[in-house]
Every structure is written in C-alpha cells, then in structure tokens.
Amino acid sequence: MGLFSLVTGWPGPSGFGSASTAEQVTDGVDAAHLTAIITGGASGIGAETARVFALRGAHVIIAARNMEAANNVKELLVKSNPKAHVDVLQLDLSSLKSVRAFADKFISMNLPLNILINNAGVMFCPYQLSEDGIEMQFATNHLG
C-alpha cells in the first residue's frame, strides 16, 4: 500500500484500506470456537479488539490491570451483544507474580489459546523500577 492509498483510504490488494473498519475486515469470520486473550483490553484499541472478536463469536478474555475499567468494557460488550462470551482476568504485565497468577488462572479454565493480542504497553519517563526491580517499561513491554 503506497502513501497515497494510506492517506486516501483507497483499498490495497487485499481489498481493504486505511479507512476499512474492523467489522468490515472480519465480515464473514466465524470465531465461535476460538479463545482470544487481549492484554490491555480495558480501553482504546484493546477494547475495540475485544468488541470485534466478541461480535464474531470468540470467547474473549480481557487481561487488564484496571479491573473496574475491564469490567465496564465487559458490561458494554454483553449489553450490545447478549451472546458475547467475555471474561475478565487480572494481569499486571510489570509484575512477574501477576503474570504467573494470570497464566495459572487461564490454564485452570481448560481453554485453548487460539489468539493472543499483545496490546498492553507503557512508556514511563522518568526511570522507574517494577516490584521485581526491573526497569518498568522493559518489564511491562517485553518480559510480561
């Protein structure tokens, strides 16, 4: 896709362009037997990704630090799509203890992991350390 197509939104070889919506791109996709974990699914692009996967029938697991925000997203998804199968699990990617607890909880659910959307990320300035003594940005964006 050239710069002109990107700016104008004109479709590229796939038939989709920068103006295409997630609903258009996933039209006809049946995700009914798929499980999708979406980190950072409590807001922004993560919440929109969760919405579209739920719309297409996937079992969506929103993995988030902010449980209140994640539960609000779940509530909105189920309200707009009563058939949506959405779970919310606590996950703070800056904490290896939280990552292990999340993994244990997911494994105990006996679900396949078909789709993993690594959407969560941070940019911390100035320098901070995680509870594990690792630079916060590296701990969250790479190790977690």
C-alpha atoms as a PDB file:
ATOM      1  CA  MET A   1       0.000   0.000   0.000  1.00  0.00           C
ATOM      2  CA  GLY A   2       1.512   3.294  -1.071  1.00  0.00           C
ATOM      3  CA  LEU A   3       1.410   6.539   0.849  1.00  0.00           C
ATOM      4  CA  PHE A   4      -1.373   7.865  -1.395  1.00  0.00           C
ATOM      5  CA  SER A   5      -3.569   4.854  -0.606  1.00  0.00           C
ATOM      6  CA  LEU A   6      -2.836   5.227   3.084  1.00  0.00           C
ATOM      7  CA  VAL A   7      -3.846   8.890   3.081  1.00  0.00           C
ATOM      8  CA  THR A   8      -6.919   8.480   0.873  1.00  0.00           C
ATOM      9  CA  GLY A   9      -8.100   5.213   2.408  1.00  0.00           C
ATOM     10  CA  TRP A  10      -8.334   3.588  -1.002  1.00  0.00           C
ATOM     11  CA  PRO A  11      -8.184  -0.198  -0.847  1.00  0.00           C
ATOM     12  CA  GLY A  12      -4.969  -2.073  -1.474  1.00  0.00           C
ATOM     13  CA  PRO A  13      -4.564  -5.565  -2.965  1.00  0.00           C
ATOM     14  CA  SER A  14      -6.405  -7.130  -0.004  1.00  0.00           C
ATOM     15  CA  GLY A  15      -9.475  -5.055  -0.752  1.00  0.00           C
ATOM     16  CA  PHE A  16      -9.040  -3.125   2.487  1.00  0.00           C
ATOM     17  CA  GLY A  17      -7.564   0.301   3.090  1.00  0.00           C
ATOM     18  CA  SER A  18      -6.794   2.611   5.979  1.00  0.00           C
ATOM     19  CA  ALA A  19     -10.468   3.607   6.101  1.00  0.00           C
ATOM     20  CA  SER A  20     -11.648  -0.011   6.488  1.00  0.00           C
ATOM     21  CA  THR A  21     -13.223  -0.884   9.825  1.00  0.00           C
ATOM     22  CA  ALA A  22     -12.533  -3.952  11.937  1.00  0.00           C
ATOM     23  CA  GLU A  23     -16.092  -5.083  11.273  1.00  0.00           C
ATOM     24  CA  GLN A  24     -15.506  -4.897   7.521  1.00  0.00           C
ATOM     25  CA  VAL A  25     -12.225  -6.787   7.743  1.00  0.00           C
ATOM     26  CA  THR A  26     -13.765  -9.573   9.859  1.00  0.00           C
ATOM     27  CA  ASP A  27     -17.060  -9.804   7.973  1.00  0.00           C
ATOM     28  CA  GLY A  28     -17.846 -13.471   7.430  1.00  0.00           C
ATOM     29  CA  VAL A  29     -15.359 -14.672  10.057  1.00  0.00           C
ATOM     30  CA  ASP A  30     -16.765 -17.302  12.419  1.00  0.00           C
ATOM     31  CA  ALA A  31     -14.709 -17.244  15.603  1.00  0.00           C
ATOM     32  CA  ALA A  32     -17.238 -19.245  17.630  1.00  0.00           C
ATOM     33  CA  HIS A  33     -14.741 -21.952  18.608  1.00  0.00           C
ATOM     34  CA  LEU A  34     -11.813 -19.651  19.298  1.00  0.00           C
ATOM     35  CA  THR A  35     -10.451 -18.183  22.517  1.00  0.00           C
ATOM     36  CA  ALA A  36      -8.775 -14.778  22.372  1.00  0.00           C
ATOM     37  CA  ILE A  37      -6.754 -13.184  25.167  1.00  0.00           C
ATOM     38  CA  ILE A  38      -6.415  -9.425  24.751  1.00  0.00           C
ATOM     39  CA  THR A  39      -3.960  -7.633  27.018  1.00  0.00           C
ATOM     40  CA  GLY A  40      -4.853  -4.011  27.626  1.00  0.00           C
ATOM     41  CA  GLY A  41      -8.442  -4.773  26.666  1.00  0.00           C
ATOM     42  CA  ALA A  42      -9.882  -2.312  29.177  1.00  0.00           C
ATOM     43  CA  SER A  43      -9.608   0.706  26.885  1.00  0.00           C
ATOM     44  CA  GLY A  44      -8.769   2.017  23.442  1.00  0.00           C
ATOM     45  CA  ILE A  45      -7.645  -0.353  20.711  1.00  0.00           C
ATOM     46  CA  GLY A  46      -7.747  -3.299  23.122  1.00  0.00           C
ATOM     47  CA  ALA A  47     -11.404  -2.673  23.973  1.00  0.00           C
ATOM     48  CA  GLU A  48     -12.278  -2.320  20.280  1.00  0.00           C
ATOM     49  CA  THR A  49     -10.426  -5.544  19.504  1.00  0.00           C
ATOM     50  CA  ALA A  50     -12.368  -7.296  22.278  1.00  0.00           C
ATOM     51  CA  ARG A  51     -15.629  -5.923  20.878  1.00  0.00           C
ATOM     52  CA  VAL A  52     -14.994  -7.200  17.363  1.00  0.00           C
ATOM     53  CA  PHE A  53     -13.793 -10.633  18.480  1.00  0.00           C
ATOM     54  CA  ALA A  54     -16.876 -10.956  20.715  1.00  0.00           C
ATOM     55  CA  LEU A  55     -19.064  -9.858  17.808  1.00  0.00           C
ATOM     56  CA  ARG A  56     -17.564 -12.671  15.708  1.00  0.00           C
ATOM     57  CA  GLY A  57     -18.285 -15.225  18.430  1.00  0.00           C
ATOM     58  CA  ALA A  58     -14.893 -15.711  20.082  1.00  0.00           C
ATOM     59  CA  HIS A  59     -14.560 -16.370  23.792  1.00  0.00           C
ATOM     60  CA  VAL A  60     -12.811 -13.142  24.770  1.00  0.00           C
ATOM     61  CA  ILE A  61     -10.605 -12.838  27.822  1.00  0.00           C
ATOM     62  CA  ILE A  62      -9.777  -9.256  28.714  1.00  0.00           C
ATOM     63  CA  ALA A  63      -6.484  -9.240  30.611  1.00  0.00           C
ATOM     64  CA  ALA A  64      -6.074  -5.943  32.435  1.00  0.00           C
ATOM     65  CA  ARG A  65      -4.551  -4.151  35.422  1.00  0.00           C
ATOM     66  CA  ASN A  66      -7.613  -1.978  35.944  1.00  0.00           C
ATOM     67  CA  MET A  67     -10.369  -4.441  36.793  1.00  0.00           C
ATOM     68  CA  GLU A  68     -13.019  -1.738  37.109  1.00  0.00           C
ATOM     69  CA  ALA A  69     -12.370  -0.483  33.581  1.00  0.00           C
ATOM     70  CA  ALA A  70     -12.164  -4.050  32.238  1.00  0.00           C
ATOM     71  CA  ASN A  71     -15.477  -4.983  33.857  1.00  0.00           C
ATOM     72  CA  ASN A  72     -17.048  -1.836  32.392  1.00  0.00           C
ATOM     73  CA  VAL A  73     -15.899  -2.930  28.926  1.00  0.00           C
ATOM     74  CA  LYS A  74     -17.295  -6.418  29.555  1.00  0.00           C
ATOM     75  CA  GLU A  75     -20.622  -4.929  30.626  1.00  0.00           C
ATOM     76  CA  LEU A  76     -20.809  -2.802  27.468  1.00  0.00           C
ATOM     77  CA  LEU A  77     -19.906  -5.757  25.242  1.00  0.00           C
ATOM     78  CA  VAL A  78     -22.534  -8.020  26.775  1.00  0.00           C
ATOM     79  CA  LYS A  79     -25.133  -5.241  26.706  1.00  0.00           C
ATOM     80  CA  SER A  80     -24.569  -4.615  22.988  1.00  0.00           C
ATOM     81  CA  ASN A  81     -24.188  -8.333  22.203  1.00  0.00           C
ATOM     82  CA  PRO A  82     -26.030 -10.580  24.707  1.00  0.00           C
ATOM     83  CA  LYS A  83     -24.442 -13.688  23.163  1.00  0.00           C
ATOM     84  CA  ALA A  84     -20.923 -12.391  23.864  1.00  0.00           C
ATOM     85  CA  HIS A  85     -18.744 -14.683  25.961  1.00  0.00           C
ATOM     86  CA  VAL A  86     -16.371 -12.376  27.818  1.00  0.00           C
ATOM     87  CA  ASP A  87     -14.252 -12.980  30.894  1.00  0.00           C
ATOM     88  CA  VAL A  88     -12.042 -10.514  32.737  1.00  0.00           C
ATOM     89  CA  LEU A  89      -8.812 -11.583  34.414  1.00  0.00           C
ATOM     90  CA  GLN A  90      -6.343  -9.516  36.427  1.00  0.00           C
ATOM     91  CA  LEU A  91      -2.981  -9.042  34.709  1.00  0.00           C
ATOM     92  CA  ASP A  92      -0.282  -6.529  35.559  1.00  0.00           C
ATOM     93  CA  LEU A  93       2.439  -7.162  32.999  1.00  0.00           C
ATOM     94  CA  SER A  94       5.005  -5.269  35.091  1.00  0.00           C
ATOM     95  CA  SER A  95       4.739  -7.936  37.805  1.00  0.00           C
ATOM     96  CA  LEU A  96       6.078 -11.431  37.176  1.00  0.00           C
ATOM     97  CA  LYS A  97       3.946 -12.652  40.108  1.00  0.00           C
ATOM     98  CA  SER A  98       0.826 -11.276  38.380  1.00  0.00           C
ATOM     99  CA  VAL A  99       1.850 -12.851  35.052  1.00  0.00           C
ATOM    100  CA  ARG A 100       2.269 -16.249  36.739  1.00  0.00           C
ATOM    101  CA  ALA A 101      -1.085 -15.909  38.539  1.00  0.00           C
ATOM    102  CA  PHE A 102      -2.790 -14.985  35.261  1.00  0.00           C
ATOM    103  CA  ALA A 103      -1.222 -17.970  33.481  1.00  0.00           C
ATOM    104  CA  ASP A 104      -2.290 -20.320  36.283  1.00  0.00           C
ATOM    105  CA  LYS A 105      -5.853 -18.979  36.187  1.00  0.00           C
ATOM    106  CA  PHE A 106      -6.045 -19.291  32.398  1.00  0.00           C
ATOM    107  CA  ILE A 107      -4.684 -22.851  32.472  1.00  0.00           C
ATOM    108  CA  SER A 108      -7.280 -23.769  35.119  1.00  0.00           C
ATOM    109  CA  MET A 109     -10.035 -22.646  32.724  1.00  0.00           C
ATOM    110  CA  ASN A 110      -9.117 -25.535  30.367  1.00  0.00           C
ATOM    111  CA  LEU A 111      -9.491 -23.378  27.283  1.00  0.00           C
ATOM    112  CA  PRO A 112      -7.374 -23.412  24.148  1.00  0.00           C
ATOM    113  CA  LEU A 113      -5.379 -20.295  23.379  1.00  0.00           C
ATOM    114  CA  ASN A 114      -6.087 -19.593  19.727  1.00  0.00           C
ATOM    115  CA  ILE A 115      -5.434 -15.860  19.585  1.00  0.00           C
ATOM    116  CA  LEU A 116      -3.164 -13.685  21.721  1.00  0.00           C
ATOM    117  CA  ILE A 117      -3.335  -9.933  21.169  1.00  0.00           C
ATOM    118  CA  ASN A 118      -0.396  -8.303  22.974  1.00  0.00           C
ATOM    119  CA  ASN A 119      -1.917  -4.841  23.090  1.00  0.00           C
ATOM    120  CA  ALA A 120      -0.892  -3.642  26.561  1.00  0.00           C
ATOM    121  CA  GLY A 121       2.142  -1.440  26.835  1.00  0.00           C
ATOM    122  CA  VAL A 122       3.558   1.502  28.723  1.00  0.00           C
ATOM    123  CA  MET A 123       6.034   4.320  28.308  1.00  0.00           C
ATOM    124  CA  PHE A 124       7.387   5.506  31.628  1.00  0.00           C
ATOM    125  CA  CYS A 125       9.505   8.603  31.897  1.00  0.00           C
ATOM    126  CA  PRO A 126      11.313   9.216  34.170  1.00  0.00           C
ATOM    127  CA  TYR A 127      13.022   5.954  35.056  1.00  0.00           C
ATOM    128  CA  GLN A 128      11.025   3.639  37.354  1.00  0.00           C
ATOM    129  CA  LEU A 129      11.502   0.115  38.648  1.00  0.00           C
ATOM    130  CA  SER A 130       8.884  -2.635  38.804  1.00  0.00           C
ATOM    131  CA  GLU A 131       8.213  -4.558  42.015  1.00  0.00           C
ATOM    132  CA  ASP A 132      10.708  -7.121  40.655  1.00  0.00           C
ATOM    133  CA  GLY A 133      13.458  -4.468  40.405  1.00  0.00           C
ATOM    134  CA  ILE A 134      13.342  -4.313  36.609  1.00  0.00           C
ATOM    135  CA  GLU A 135      13.046  -1.101  34.603  1.00  0.00           C
ATOM    136  CA  MET A 136       9.264  -0.604  34.338  1.00  0.00           C
ATOM    137  CA  GLN A 137       8.964  -0.123  30.596  1.00  0.00           C
ATOM    138  CA  PHE A 138      11.114  -3.198  29.832  1.00  0.00           C
ATOM    139  CA  ALA A 139       9.302  -5.284  32.465  1.00  0.00           C
ATOM    140  CA  THR A 140       5.876  -4.427  31.047  1.00  0.00           C
ATOM    141  CA  ASN A 141       6.514  -4.303  27.325  1.00  0.00           C
ATOM    142  CA  HIS A 142       8.976  -7.196  26.995  1.00  0.00           C
ATOM    143  CA  LEU A 143       9.169  -9.517  29.988  1.00  0.00           C
ATOM    144  CA  GLY A 144       5.496  -9.541  30.973  1.00  0.00           C
END
